[in-house]
Amino acid sequence: MTIGVSGDWTAARGLNSGCDGWYSVLGGTFPQTALAIARAAQAGQADQAAELSDRLEPLWTLFRRHGSLRVISAAASHLGLVGEPNLPLPVRGLNEAARQEVVAALDAAGLTS
């Protein structure tokens, strides 16, 4: 049995506290970003893992507000990784204002691909 963390904004804290795994939404679209956080935690560099996660706070805020699936769907669409619509019914995508928030959060976090 393993103990994992979900809720991407809690991943660094969970991994730094000894969780064995991270069940990530972010990792599917931004694998290098998620891997950097996980590797820092695994190497005992708790401050580095926390700092890398803190840089993503604009995105974490939107995950908490709108749900991580809907936010990452909008991010993947913005980056041209998927077409629209890309969520299964009955899940609805974000409205245009929220999509612009996602674009701004990606820019602020330096997530362009």
Protein backbone atom coordinates (compact mmCIF):
# COMPACT_ATOMS: atom_id res chain seq x y z
CA MET A 1 0.00 0.00 0.00
CA THR A 2 1.15 3.53 -0.73
CA ILE A 3 0.02 6.89 0.52
CA GLY A 4 -0.48 9.56 -2.10
CA VAL A 5 -1.58 13.12 -2.35
CA SER A 6 -4.18 14.59 -4.68
CA GLY A 7 -5.22 18.20 -4.97
CA ASP A 8 -2.23 19.51 -6.87
CA TRP A 9 -1.84 22.61 -4.70
CA THR A 10 -1.13 20.30 -1.73
CA ALA A 11 1.36 18.06 -3.53
CA ALA A 12 4.60 19.67 -2.39
CA ARG A 13 3.44 19.65 1.23
CA GLY A 14 2.27 16.04 0.95
CA LEU A 15 5.43 14.81 -0.74
CA ASN A 16 7.59 16.74 1.69
CA SER A 17 5.68 15.03 4.51
CA GLY A 18 6.40 11.56 3.18
CA CYS A 19 3.63 10.70 0.72
CA ASP A 20 4.72 8.04 -1.77
CA GLY A 21 2.93 9.47 -4.78
CA TRP A 22 1.15 12.42 -6.30
CA TYR A 23 -2.02 11.88 -8.31
CA SER A 24 -1.78 14.95 -10.50
CA VAL A 25 -3.95 16.77 -12.99
CA LEU A 26 -1.13 19.20 -13.72
CA GLY A 27 1.28 16.38 -14.59
CA GLY A 28 -0.73 15.32 -17.62
CA THR A 29 -0.33 18.68 -19.33
CA PHE A 30 2.85 19.99 -17.69
CA PRO A 31 4.84 16.86 -16.83
CA GLN A 32 8.20 18.59 -16.45
CA THR A 33 6.76 21.07 -13.98
CA ALA A 34 5.18 18.35 -11.86
CA LEU A 35 8.33 16.22 -12.09
CA ALA A 36 10.51 19.09 -10.85
CA ILE A 37 8.33 19.44 -7.72
CA ALA A 38 8.30 15.69 -7.09
CA ARG A 39 12.04 15.27 -7.64
CA ALA A 40 12.87 18.15 -5.30
CA ALA A 41 10.71 16.59 -2.58
CA GLN A 42 12.19 13.13 -3.16
CA ALA A 43 15.71 14.58 -2.88
CA GLY A 44 14.88 16.08 0.51
CA GLN A 45 14.84 19.61 -0.90
CA ALA A 46 11.59 20.58 0.80
CA ASP A 47 12.15 24.32 0.40
CA GLN A 48 12.78 23.92 -3.35
CA ALA A 49 9.65 21.77 -3.79
CA ALA A 50 7.57 24.34 -1.90
CA GLU A 51 9.05 27.21 -3.90
CA LEU A 52 8.32 25.50 -7.21
CA SER A 53 4.75 24.88 -6.08
CA ASP A 54 4.34 28.43 -4.80
CA ARG A 55 5.17 29.73 -8.29
CA LEU A 56 2.03 27.98 -9.48
CA GLU A 57 -0.28 29.69 -6.99
CA PRO A 58 -2.15 31.63 -9.73
CA LEU A 59 -3.09 28.27 -11.22
CA TRP A 60 -3.79 26.65 -7.85
CA THR A 61 -6.21 29.47 -7.06
CA LEU A 62 -8.15 28.68 -10.23
CA PHE A 63 -8.06 24.93 -9.50
CA ARG A 64 -9.70 25.62 -6.14
CA ARG A 65 -12.23 28.05 -7.65
CA HIS A 66 -13.28 26.17 -10.80
CA GLY A 67 -12.00 22.61 -10.36
CA SER A 68 -8.70 21.32 -11.66
CA LEU A 69 -10.20 19.31 -14.54
CA ARG A 70 -12.00 22.30 -16.02
CA VAL A 71 -8.96 24.57 -15.60
CA ILE A 72 -6.50 22.12 -17.13
CA SER A 73 -8.95 21.52 -19.97
CA ALA A 74 -8.95 25.26 -20.73
CA ALA A 75 -5.16 25.38 -20.43
CA ALA A 76 -4.70 22.46 -22.83
CA SER A 77 -7.09 24.09 -25.27
CA HIS A 78 -5.28 27.43 -25.04
CA LEU A 79 -1.97 25.70 -25.75
CA GLY A 80 -3.44 23.93 -28.79
CA LEU A 81 -3.06 20.48 -27.27
CA VAL A 82 -6.76 19.64 -27.60
CA GLY A 83 -9.73 20.94 -29.54
CA GLU A 84 -13.06 22.16 -28.25
CA PRO A 85 -15.19 20.86 -26.72
CA ASN A 86 -12.91 18.42 -24.91
CA LEU A 87 -14.78 17.52 -21.73
CA PRO A 88 -17.32 14.70 -21.58
CA LEU A 89 -20.92 15.64 -20.99
CA PRO A 90 -22.30 16.72 -18.60
CA VAL A 91 -19.07 18.48 -17.57
CA ARG A 92 -19.07 22.02 -18.87
CA GLY A 93 -16.02 24.02 -19.85
CA LEU A 94 -15.19 27.40 -18.40
CA ASN A 95 -16.83 30.58 -19.63
CA GLU A 96 -14.75 33.12 -21.55
CA ALA A 97 -13.93 35.27 -18.52
CA ALA A 98 -12.63 32.26 -16.59
CA ARG A 99 -10.65 31.13 -19.65
CA GLN A 100 -8.92 34.49 -19.71
CA GLU A 101 -8.07 34.00 -16.04
CA VAL A 102 -6.49 30.67 -16.97
CA VAL A 103 -4.38 32.32 -19.68
CA ALA A 104 -3.25 34.99 -17.22
CA ALA A 105 -2.41 32.33 -14.60
CA LEU A 106 -0.40 30.33 -17.14
CA ASP A 107 1.53 33.45 -18.08
CA ALA A 108 2.13 34.38 -14.43
CA ALA A 109 3.36 30.86 -13.66
CA GLY A 110 5.54 30.68 -16.76
CA LEU A 111 3.62 27.71 -18.16
CA THR A 112 3.64 28.15 -21.90
CA SER A 113 3.99 24.50 -22.93
